[in-house]
Amino acid sequence: MEFRKITLTLPEPLYNEGMHLIKSGLFSNFSDLVRSGIREEFKGLQPIIKEFDDRLIYNDKVLVSGVKQSIKEAKAGKGKRLKSEKEMDKYFEEL
């Protein structure tokens, strides 16, 4: 496993609380404490991340489906040709 070194700035009360946990033997050092906290935070965020990813995938499917439909319509001559940026801006404003 590759490690990256970071600099962490904490409010003094948070630092003191962390040092108390280390001195109590719950963590071997501050890095151990921070890694443990990050792991726990990630575990708590997993349901939120999964829901976000599922929505993102769904939205992408909808987007892809819409693009495919637009391509079909354009090939069938149902599309509208916009000849300038001004026309394009007006078209999208009206949507």
Protein backbone atom coordinates (compact mmCIF):
# COMPACT_ATOMS: atom_id res chain seq x y z
CA MET A 1 0.00 0.00 0.00
CA GLU A 2 1.33 3.40 -0.97
CA PHE A 3 1.08 6.23 1.56
CA ARG A 4 0.87 10.00 1.05
CA LYS A 5 2.08 12.49 3.62
CA ILE A 6 -0.26 15.36 4.47
CA THR A 7 -0.22 18.31 6.84
CA LEU A 8 -3.24 18.61 9.10
CA THR A 9 -4.26 21.71 11.03
CA LEU A 10 -6.70 21.19 13.91
CA PRO A 11 -8.33 23.43 16.49
CA GLU A 12 -6.48 23.02 19.79
CA PRO A 13 -9.39 21.33 21.65
CA LEU A 14 -9.65 18.69 18.91
CA TYR A 15 -5.89 18.13 19.01
CA ASN A 16 -5.97 17.81 22.83
CA GLU A 17 -8.82 15.32 22.68
CA GLY A 18 -6.89 13.29 20.11
CA MET A 19 -3.77 13.32 22.27
CA HIS A 20 -5.84 12.13 25.24
CA LEU A 21 -7.07 9.14 23.18
CA ILE A 22 -3.49 8.35 22.13
CA LYS A 23 -2.17 8.58 25.71
CA SER A 24 -5.04 6.34 26.83
CA GLY A 25 -3.73 3.68 24.43
CA LEU A 26 -6.72 3.68 22.09
CA PHE A 27 -4.51 4.75 19.17
CA SER A 28 -0.78 4.28 18.62
CA ASN A 29 -0.24 7.78 17.18
CA PHE A 30 -2.05 10.69 15.56
CA SER A 31 -1.83 9.14 12.09
CA ASP A 32 -3.56 6.01 13.40
CA LEU A 33 -6.30 8.18 14.94
CA VAL A 34 -6.85 10.19 11.75
CA ARG A 35 -6.89 7.09 9.50
CA SER A 36 -9.41 5.43 11.81
CA GLY A 37 -11.62 8.53 11.78
CA ILE A 38 -11.50 8.78 8.00
CA ARG A 39 -12.38 5.07 7.62
CA GLU A 40 -15.38 5.50 9.93
CA GLU A 41 -16.50 8.60 8.04
CA PHE A 42 -16.26 6.72 4.74
CA LYS A 43 -18.34 3.84 6.15
CA GLY A 44 -21.05 6.28 7.20
CA LEU A 45 -21.06 7.93 3.79
CA GLN A 46 -21.37 4.68 1.78
CA PRO A 47 -25.21 4.73 1.59
CA ILE A 48 -25.16 8.37 0.49
CA ILE A 49 -22.44 7.69 -2.10
CA LYS A 50 -24.33 4.65 -3.45
CA GLU A 51 -27.55 6.66 -3.76
CA PHE A 52 -25.68 9.46 -5.52
CA ASP A 53 -23.96 7.02 -7.90
CA ASP A 54 -27.26 5.27 -8.67
CA ARG A 55 -28.92 8.60 -9.49
CA LEU A 56 -25.94 9.63 -11.61
CA ILE A 57 -26.08 6.37 -13.58
CA TYR A 58 -29.85 6.74 -14.03
CA ASN A 59 -29.47 10.30 -15.21
CA ASP A 60 -26.78 9.24 -17.66
CA LYS A 61 -29.09 6.54 -19.06
CA VAL A 62 -31.80 9.14 -19.54
CA LEU A 63 -29.33 11.48 -21.23
CA VAL A 64 -28.05 8.74 -23.56
CA SER A 65 -31.60 7.72 -24.41
CA GLY A 66 -32.49 11.33 -25.20
CA VAL A 67 -29.46 11.76 -27.43
CA LYS A 68 -30.30 8.54 -29.32
CA GLN A 69 -33.88 9.74 -29.78
CA SER A 70 -32.64 13.10 -31.08
CA ILE A 71 -30.34 11.37 -33.57
CA LYS A 72 -33.27 9.25 -34.86
CA GLU A 73 -35.44 12.35 -35.22
CA ALA A 74 -32.69 14.25 -37.04
CA LYS A 75 -32.17 11.36 -39.48
CA ALA A 76 -35.93 11.26 -40.10
CA GLY A 77 -35.90 14.97 -40.91
CA LYS A 78 -37.85 15.93 -37.79
CA GLY A 79 -35.03 17.94 -36.29
CA LYS A 80 -34.75 21.71 -36.44
CA ARG A 81 -31.68 23.30 -38.00
CA LEU A 82 -30.35 26.24 -36.07
CA LYS A 83 -28.28 28.49 -38.29
CA SER A 84 -26.71 30.80 -35.73
CA GLU A 85 -25.76 31.04 -32.08
CA LYS A 86 -28.54 33.56 -31.63
CA GLU A 87 -31.10 31.06 -32.97
CA MET A 88 -29.64 28.39 -30.72
CA ASP A 89 -29.83 30.65 -27.64
CA LYS A 90 -33.45 31.51 -28.44
CA TYR A 91 -34.33 27.85 -28.98
CA PHE A 92 -32.86 26.77 -25.63
CA GLU A 93 -34.44 29.69 -23.77
CA GLU A 94 -37.85 28.56 -25.03
CA LEU A 95 -37.41 24.98 -23.80
